[in-house]
Amino acid sequence: PLEQAAATGCRLLLAAADSLELPGWTLGTVRV
């Protein structure tokens, strides 16, 4: 659902960065 899309996308991206062991990432603009 629309109200979950931004949170889900950000969570997936941060989890992916953790799995690749990439510290120091910052999420910038998020659009849905």
ModelCIF file with pLDDT and N, C-alpha, C, O atoms, coordinates in Angstrom:
data_MODEL
#
_entry.id   MODEL 
#
_entity.id                         1 
_entity.type                       polymer 
_entity.pdbx_number_of_molecules   1 
#
_entity_poly.entity_id                      1 
_entity_poly.type                           'polypeptide(L)' 
_entity_poly.nstd_linkage                   no 
_entity_poly.nstd_monomer                   no 
_entity_poly.pdbx_seq_one_letter_code       PLEQAAATGCRLLLAAADSLELPGWTLGTVRV 
_entity_poly.pdbx_seq_one_letter_code_can   PLEQAAATGCRLLLAAADSLELPGWTLGTVRV 
_entity_poly.pdbx_strand_id                 A 
#
loop_
_entity_poly_seq.entity_id 
_entity_poly_seq.num 
_entity_poly_seq.mon_id 
_entity_poly_seq.hetero 
1 1  PRO n 
1 2  LEU n 
1 3  GLU n 
1 4  GLN n 
1 5  ALA n 
1 6  ALA n 
1 7  ALA n 
1 8  THR n 
1 9  GLY n 
1 10 CYS n 
1 11 ARG n 
1 12 LEU n 
1 13 LEU n 
1 14 LEU n 
1 15 ALA n 
1 16 ALA n 
1 17 ALA n 
1 18 ASP n 
1 19 SER n 
1 20 LEU n 
1 21 GLU n 
1 22 LEU n 
1 23 PRO n 
1 24 GLY n 
1 25 TRP n 
1 26 THR n 
1 27 LEU n 
1 28 GLY n 
1 29 THR n 
1 30 VAL n 
1 31 ARG n 
1 32 VAL n 
#
_struct_asym.id          A 
_struct_asym.entity_id   1 
#
loop_
_ma_qa_metric.id 
_ma_qa_metric.mode 
_ma_qa_metric.name 
_ma_qa_metric.software_group_id 
_ma_qa_metric.type 
1 global pLDDT . pLDDT 
2 local  pLDDT . pLDDT 
#
_ma_qa_metric_global.metric_id      1 
_ma_qa_metric_global.metric_value   90.41 
_ma_qa_metric_global.model_id       1 
_ma_qa_metric_global.ordinal_id     1 
#
loop_
_ma_qa_metric_local.label_asym_id 
_ma_qa_metric_local.label_comp_id 
_ma_qa_metric_local.label_seq_id 
_ma_qa_metric_local.metric_id 
_ma_qa_metric_local.metric_value 
_ma_qa_metric_local.model_id 
_ma_qa_metric_local.ordinal_id 
A PRO 1  2 89.00 1 1  
A LEU 2  2 88.00 1 2  
A GLU 3  2 90.00 1 3  
A GLN 4  2 93.00 1 4  
A ALA 5  2 94.00 1 5  
A ALA 6  2 94.00 1 6  
A ALA 7  2 95.00 1 7  
A THR 8  2 95.00 1 8  
A GLY 9  2 95.00 1 9  
A CYS 10 2 95.00 1 10 
A ARG 11 2 95.00 1 11 
A LEU 12 2 95.00 1 12 
A LEU 13 2 93.00 1 13 
A LEU 14 2 92.00 1 14 
A ALA 15 2 94.00 1 15 
A ALA 16 2 92.00 1 16 
A ALA 17 2 89.00 1 17 
A ASP 18 2 90.00 1 18 
A SER 19 2 92.00 1 19 
A LEU 20 2 88.00 1 20 
A GLU 21 2 85.00 1 21 
A LEU 22 2 81.00 1 22 
A PRO 23 2 79.00 1 23 
A GLY 24 2 82.00 1 24 
A TRP 25 2 83.00 1 25 
A THR 26 2 86.00 1 26 
A LEU 27 2 89.00 1 27 
A GLY 28 2 89.00 1 28 
A THR 29 2 91.00 1 29 
A VAL 30 2 93.00 1 30 
A ARG 31 2 93.00 1 31 
A VAL 32 2 94.00 1 32 
#
loop_
_atom_site.group_PDB 
_atom_site.id 
_atom_site.type_symbol 
_atom_site.label_atom_id 
_atom_site.label_alt_id 
_atom_site.label_comp_id 
_atom_site.label_asym_id 
_atom_site.label_entity_id 
_atom_site.label_seq_id 
_atom_site.pdbx_PDB_ins_code 
_atom_site.Cartn_x 
_atom_site.Cartn_y 
_atom_site.Cartn_z 
_atom_site.occupancy 
_atom_site.B_iso_or_equiv 
_atom_site.pdbx_formal_charge 
_atom_site.auth_seq_id 
_atom_site.auth_comp_id 
_atom_site.auth_asym_id 
_atom_site.auth_atom_id 
_atom_site.pdbx_PDB_model_num 
ATOM 1   N N  . PRO A 1 1  ? 0.836  -1.212 0.000  1.00 89.00 ? 1  PRO A N  1 
ATOM 2   C CA . PRO A 1 1  ? 0.000  0.000  0.000  1.00 89.00 ? 1  PRO A CA 1 
ATOM 3   C C  . PRO A 1 1  ? 0.871  1.262  0.000  1.00 89.00 ? 1  PRO A C  1 
ATOM 4   O O  . PRO A 1 1  ? 2.014  1.241  0.457  1.00 89.00 ? 1  PRO A O  1 
ATOM 5   N N  . LEU A 1 2  ? 0.323  2.338  -0.510 1.00 88.00 ? 2  LEU A N  1 
ATOM 6   C CA . LEU A 1 2  ? 1.039  3.599  -0.643 1.00 88.00 ? 2  LEU A CA 1 
ATOM 7   C C  . LEU A 1 2  ? 1.663  4.057  0.678  1.00 88.00 ? 2  LEU A C  1 
ATOM 8   O O  . LEU A 1 2  ? 2.804  4.520  0.699  1.00 88.00 ? 2  LEU A O  1 
ATOM 9   N N  . GLU A 1 3  ? 0.923  3.928  1.767  1.00 90.00 ? 3  GLU A N  1 
ATOM 10  C CA . GLU A 1 3  ? 1.422  4.408  3.058  1.00 90.00 ? 3  GLU A CA 1 
ATOM 11  C C  . GLU A 1 3  ? 2.589  3.579  3.592  1.00 90.00 ? 3  GLU A C  1 
ATOM 12  O O  . GLU A 1 3  ? 3.251  4.011  4.536  1.00 90.00 ? 3  GLU A O  1 
ATOM 13  N N  . GLN A 1 4  ? 2.860  2.421  3.030  1.00 93.00 ? 4  GLN A N  1 
ATOM 14  C CA . GLN A 1 4  ? 3.976  1.573  3.462  1.00 93.00 ? 4  GLN A CA 1 
ATOM 15  C C  . GLN A 1 4  ? 5.151  1.609  2.497  1.00 93.00 ? 4  GLN A C  1 
ATOM 16  O O  . GLN A 1 4  ? 6.225  1.105  2.824  1.00 93.00 ? 4  GLN A O  1 
ATOM 17  N N  . ALA A 1 5  ? 4.978  2.184  1.334  1.00 94.00 ? 5  ALA A N  1 
ATOM 18  C CA . ALA A 1 5  ? 5.982  2.079  0.273  1.00 94.00 ? 5  ALA A CA 1 
ATOM 19  C C  . ALA A 1 5  ? 7.319  2.726  0.631  1.00 94.00 ? 5  ALA A C  1 
ATOM 20  O O  . ALA A 1 5  ? 8.365  2.106  0.441  1.00 94.00 ? 5  ALA A O  1 
ATOM 21  N N  . ALA A 1 6  ? 7.308  3.945  1.140  1.00 94.00 ? 6  ALA A N  1 
ATOM 22  C CA . ALA A 1 6  ? 8.567  4.629  1.464  1.00 94.00 ? 6  ALA A CA 1 
ATOM 23  C C  . ALA A 1 6  ? 9.333  3.885  2.545  1.00 94.00 ? 6  ALA A C  1 
ATOM 24  O O  . ALA A 1 6  ? 10.540 3.672  2.424  1.00 94.00 ? 6  ALA A O  1 
ATOM 25  N N  . ALA A 1 7  ? 8.631  3.488  3.605  1.00 95.00 ? 7  ALA A N  1 
ATOM 26  C CA . ALA A 1 7  ? 9.291  2.780  4.700  1.00 95.00 ? 7  ALA A CA 1 
ATOM 27  C C  . ALA A 1 7  ? 9.843  1.435  4.232  1.00 95.00 ? 7  ALA A C  1 
ATOM 28  O O  . ALA A 1 7  ? 10.955 1.056  4.603  1.00 95.00 ? 7  ALA A O  1 
ATOM 29  N N  . THR A 1 8  ? 9.079  0.721  3.427  1.00 95.00 ? 8  THR A N  1 
ATOM 30  C CA . THR A 1 8  ? 9.533  -0.584 2.925  1.00 95.00 ? 8  THR A CA 1 
ATOM 31  C C  . THR A 1 8  ? 10.741 -0.422 2.026  1.00 95.00 ? 8  THR A C  1 
ATOM 32  O O  . THR A 1 8  ? 11.716 -1.159 2.168  1.00 95.00 ? 8  THR A O  1 
ATOM 33  N N  . GLY A 1 9  ? 10.698 0.535  1.097  1.00 95.00 ? 9  GLY A N  1 
ATOM 34  C CA . GLY A 1 9  ? 11.832 0.759  0.201  1.00 95.00 ? 9  GLY A CA 1 
ATOM 35  C C  . GLY A 1 9  ? 13.097 1.146  0.952  1.00 95.00 ? 9  GLY A C  1 
ATOM 36  O O  . GLY A 1 9  ? 14.179 0.634  0.662  1.00 95.00 ? 9  GLY A O  1 
ATOM 37  N N  . CYS A 1 10 ? 12.963 2.047  1.914  1.00 95.00 ? 10 CYS A N  1 
ATOM 38  C CA . CYS A 1 10 ? 14.128 2.467  2.706  1.00 95.00 ? 10 CYS A CA 1 
ATOM 39  C C  . CYS A 1 10 ? 14.692 1.311  3.527  1.00 95.00 ? 10 CYS A C  1 
ATOM 40  O O  . CYS A 1 10 ? 15.907 1.129  3.606  1.00 95.00 ? 10 CYS A O  1 
ATOM 41  N N  . ARG A 1 11 ? 13.798 0.532  4.137  1.00 95.00 ? 11 ARG A N  1 
ATOM 42  C CA . ARG A 1 11 ? 14.252 -0.615 4.935  1.00 95.00 ? 11 ARG A CA 1 
ATOM 43  C C  . ARG A 1 11 ? 15.010 -1.615 4.072  1.00 95.00 ? 11 ARG A C  1 
ATOM 44  O O  . ARG A 1 11 ? 16.053 -2.125 4.480  1.00 95.00 ? 11 ARG A O  1 
ATOM 45  N N  . LEU A 1 12 ? 14.488 -1.896 2.877  1.00 95.00 ? 12 LEU A N  1 
ATOM 46  C CA . LEU A 1 12 ? 15.162 -2.835 1.976  1.00 95.00 ? 12 LEU A CA 1 
ATOM 47  C C  . LEU A 1 12 ? 16.540 -2.317 1.574  1.00 95.00 ? 12 LEU A C  1 
ATOM 48  O O  . LEU A 1 12 ? 17.512 -3.071 1.545  1.00 95.00 ? 12 LEU A O  1 
ATOM 49  N N  . LEU A 1 13 ? 16.611 -1.035 1.268  1.00 93.00 ? 13 LEU A N  1 
ATOM 50  C CA . LEU A 1 13 ? 17.884 -0.471 0.833  1.00 93.00 ? 13 LEU A CA 1 
ATOM 51  C C  . LEU A 1 13 ? 18.912 -0.456 1.966  1.00 93.00 ? 13 LEU A C  1 
ATOM 52  O O  . LEU A 1 13 ? 20.083 -0.759 1.739  1.00 93.00 ? 13 LEU A O  1 
ATOM 53  N N  . LEU A 1 14 ? 18.488 -0.110 3.171  1.00 92.00 ? 14 LEU A N  1 
ATOM 54  C CA . LEU A 1 14 ? 19.420 -0.116 4.307  1.00 92.00 ? 14 LEU A CA 1 
ATOM 55  C C  . LEU A 1 14 ? 19.862 -1.535 4.663  1.00 92.00 ? 14 LEU A C  1 
ATOM 56  O O  . LEU A 1 14 ? 21.021 -1.751 5.017  1.00 92.00 ? 14 LEU A O  1 
ATOM 57  N N  . ALA A 1 15 ? 18.955 -2.496 4.571  1.00 94.00 ? 15 ALA A N  1 
ATOM 58  C CA . ALA A 1 15 ? 19.311 -3.889 4.824  1.00 94.00 ? 15 ALA A CA 1 
ATOM 59  C C  . ALA A 1 15 ? 20.302 -4.390 3.771  1.00 94.00 ? 15 ALA A C  1 
ATOM 60  O O  . ALA A 1 15 ? 21.219 -5.149 4.086  1.00 94.00 ? 15 ALA A O  1 
ATOM 61  N N  . ALA A 1 16 ? 20.115 -3.965 2.530  1.00 92.00 ? 16 ALA A N  1 
ATOM 62  C CA . ALA A 1 16 ? 21.046 -4.342 1.455  1.00 92.00 ? 16 ALA A CA 1 
ATOM 63  C C  . ALA A 1 16 ? 22.426 -3.757 1.719  1.00 92.00 ? 16 ALA A C  1 
ATOM 64  O O  . ALA A 1 16 ? 23.433 -4.439 1.530  1.00 92.00 ? 16 ALA A O  1 
ATOM 65  N N  . ALA A 1 17 ? 22.483 -2.501 2.152  1.00 89.00 ? 17 ALA A N  1 
ATOM 66  C CA . ALA A 1 17 ? 23.772 -1.877 2.477  1.00 89.00 ? 17 ALA A CA 1 
ATOM 67  C C  . ALA A 1 17 ? 24.459 -2.624 3.619  1.00 89.00 ? 17 ALA A C  1 
ATOM 68  O O  . ALA A 1 17 ? 25.672 -2.831 3.589  1.00 89.00 ? 17 ALA A O  1 
ATOM 69  N N  . ASP A 1 18 ? 23.684 -3.029 4.625  1.00 90.00 ? 18 ASP A N  1 
ATOM 70  C CA . ASP A 1 18 ? 24.253 -3.811 5.724  1.00 90.00 ? 18 ASP A CA 1 
ATOM 71  C C  . ASP A 1 18 ? 24.781 -5.153 5.235  1.00 90.00 ? 18 ASP A C  1 
ATOM 72  O O  . ASP A 1 18 ? 25.851 -5.591 5.657  1.00 90.00 ? 18 ASP A O  1 
ATOM 73  N N  . SER A 1 19 ? 24.038 -5.806 4.350  1.00 92.00 ? 19 SER A N  1 
ATOM 74  C CA . SER A 1 19 ? 24.470 -7.121 3.860  1.00 92.00 ? 19 SER A CA 1 
ATOM 75  C C  . SER A 1 19 ? 25.743 -7.010 3.022  1.00 92.00 ? 19 SER A C  1 
ATOM 76  O O  . SER A 1 19 ? 26.533 -7.952 2.964  1.00 92.00 ? 19 SER A O  1 
ATOM 77  N N  . LEU A 1 20 ? 25.941 -5.865 2.377  1.00 88.00 ? 20 LEU A N  1 
ATOM 78  C CA . LEU A 1 20 ? 27.165 -5.636 1.604  1.00 88.00 ? 20 LEU A CA 1 
ATOM 79  C C  . LEU A 1 20 ? 28.279 -5.036 2.459  1.00 88.00 ? 20 LEU A C  1 
ATOM 80  O O  . LEU A 1 20 ? 29.370 -4.749 1.967  1.00 88.00 ? 20 LEU A O  1 
ATOM 81  N N  . GLU A 1 21 ? 27.985 -4.850 3.760  1.00 85.00 ? 21 GLU A N  1 
ATOM 82  C CA . GLU A 1 21 ? 28.932 -4.263 4.714  1.00 85.00 ? 21 GLU A CA 1 
ATOM 83  C C  . GLU A 1 21 ? 29.428 -2.906 4.231  1.00 85.00 ? 21 GLU A C  1 
ATOM 84  O O  . GLU A 1 21 ? 30.630 -2.660 4.138  1.00 85.00 ? 21 GLU A O  1 
ATOM 85  N N  . LEU A 1 22 ? 28.464 -2.023 3.923  1.00 81.00 ? 22 LEU A N  1 
ATOM 86  C CA . LEU A 1 22 ? 28.766 -0.683 3.422  1.00 81.00 ? 22 LEU A CA 1 
ATOM 87  C C  . LEU A 1 22 ? 28.388 0.358  4.469  1.00 81.00 ? 22 LEU A C  1 
ATOM 88  O O  . LEU A 1 22 ? 27.229 0.769  4.532  1.00 81.00 ? 22 LEU A O  1 
ATOM 89  N N  . PRO A 1 23 ? 29.335 0.792  5.288  1.00 79.00 ? 23 PRO A N  1 
ATOM 90  C CA . PRO A 1 23 ? 29.035 1.806  6.300  1.00 79.00 ? 23 PRO A CA 1 
ATOM 91  C C  . PRO A 1 23 ? 29.007 3.208  5.693  1.00 79.00 ? 23 PRO A C  1 
ATOM 92  O O  . PRO A 1 23 ? 29.569 3.447  4.624  1.00 79.00 ? 23 PRO A O  1 
ATOM 93  N N  . GLY A 1 24 ? 28.358 4.110  6.378  1.00 82.00 ? 24 GLY A N  1 
ATOM 94  C CA . GLY A 1 24 ? 28.383 5.507  5.988  1.00 82.00 ? 24 GLY A CA 1 
ATOM 95  C C  . GLY A 1 24 ? 27.412 5.919  4.901  1.00 82.00 ? 24 GLY A C  1 
ATOM 96  O O  . GLY A 1 24 ? 27.531 7.020  4.364  1.00 82.00 ? 24 GLY A O  1 
ATOM 97  N N  . TRP A 1 25 ? 26.463 5.078  4.564  1.00 83.00 ? 25 TRP A N  1 
ATOM 98  C CA . TRP A 1 25 ? 25.475 5.440  3.544  1.00 83.00 ? 25 TRP A CA 1 
ATOM 99  C C  . TRP A 1 25 ? 24.436 6.365  4.169  1.00 83.00 ? 25 TRP A C  1 
ATOM 100 O O  . TRP A 1 25 ? 24.063 6.198  5.331  1.00 83.00 ? 25 TRP A O  1 
ATOM 101 N N  . THR A 1 26 ? 23.978 7.327  3.402  1.00 86.00 ? 26 THR A N  1 
ATOM 102 C CA . THR A 1 26 ? 22.936 8.245  3.846  1.00 86.00 ? 26 THR A CA 1 
ATOM 103 C C  . THR A 1 26 ? 21.826 8.252  2.805  1.00 86.00 ? 26 THR A C  1 
ATOM 104 O O  . THR A 1 26 ? 22.076 8.432  1.613  1.00 86.00 ? 26 THR A O  1 
ATOM 105 N N  . LEU A 1 27 ? 20.607 8.057  3.266  1.00 89.00 ? 27 LEU A N  1 
ATOM 106 C CA . LEU A 1 27 ? 19.480 8.139  2.345  1.00 89.00 ? 27 LEU A CA 1 
ATOM 107 C C  . LEU A 1 27 ? 19.175 9.610  2.098  1.00 89.00 ? 27 LEU A C  1 
ATOM 108 O O  . LEU A 1 27 ? 19.033 10.395 3.035  1.00 89.00 ? 27 LEU A O  1 
ATOM 109 N N  . GLY A 1 28 ? 19.078 9.962  0.845  1.00 89.00 ? 28 GLY A N  1 
ATOM 110 C CA . GLY A 1 28 ? 18.734 11.331 0.467  1.00 89.00 ? 28 GLY A CA 1 
ATOM 111 C C  . GLY A 1 28 ? 17.261 11.429 0.163  1.00 89.00 ? 28 GLY A C  1 
ATOM 112 O O  . GLY A 1 28 ? 16.428 11.035 0.979  1.00 89.00 ? 28 GLY A O  1 
ATOM 113 N N  . THR A 1 29 ? 16.932 11.947 -0.994 1.00 91.00 ? 29 THR A N  1 
ATOM 114 C CA . THR A 1 29 ? 15.548 12.139 -1.397 1.00 91.00 ? 29 THR A CA 1 
ATOM 115 C C  . THR A 1 29 ? 14.848 10.798 -1.616 1.00 91.00 ? 29 THR A C  1 
ATOM 116 O O  . THR A 1 29 ? 15.365 9.917  -2.302 1.00 91.00 ? 29 THR A O  1 
ATOM 117 N N  . VAL A 1 30 ? 13.672 10.664 -1.022 1.00 93.00 ? 30 VAL A N  1 
ATOM 118 C CA . VAL A 1 30 ? 12.831 9.474  -1.209 1.00 93.00 ? 30 VAL A CA 1 
ATOM 119 C C  . VAL A 1 30 ? 11.510 9.957  -1.792 1.00 93.00 ? 30 VAL A C  1 
ATOM 120 O O  . VAL A 1 30 ? 10.835 10.808 -1.213 1.00 93.00 ? 30 VAL A O  1 
ATOM 121 N N  . ARG A 1 31 ? 11.152 9.403  -2.940 1.00 93.00 ? 31 ARG A N  1 
ATOM 122 C CA . ARG A 1 31 ? 9.884  9.760  -3.584 1.00 93.00 ? 31 ARG A CA 1 
ATOM 123 C C  . ARG A 1 31 ? 9.088  8.491  -3.839 1.00 93.00 ? 31 ARG A C  1 
ATOM 124 O O  . ARG A 1 31 ? 9.645  7.440  -4.158 1.00 93.00 ? 31 ARG A O  1 
ATOM 125 N N  . VAL A 1 32 ? 7.779  8.610  -3.693 1.00 94.00 ? 32 VAL A N  1 
ATOM 126 C CA . VAL A 1 32 ? 6.879  7.471  -3.926 1.00 94.00 ? 32 VAL A CA 1 
ATOM 127 C C  . VAL A 1 32 ? 5.749  7.934  -4.831 1.00 94.00 ? 32 VAL A C  1 
ATOM 128 O O  . VAL A 1 32 ? 4.865  7.147  -5.168 1.00 94.00 ? 32 VAL A O  1 
#
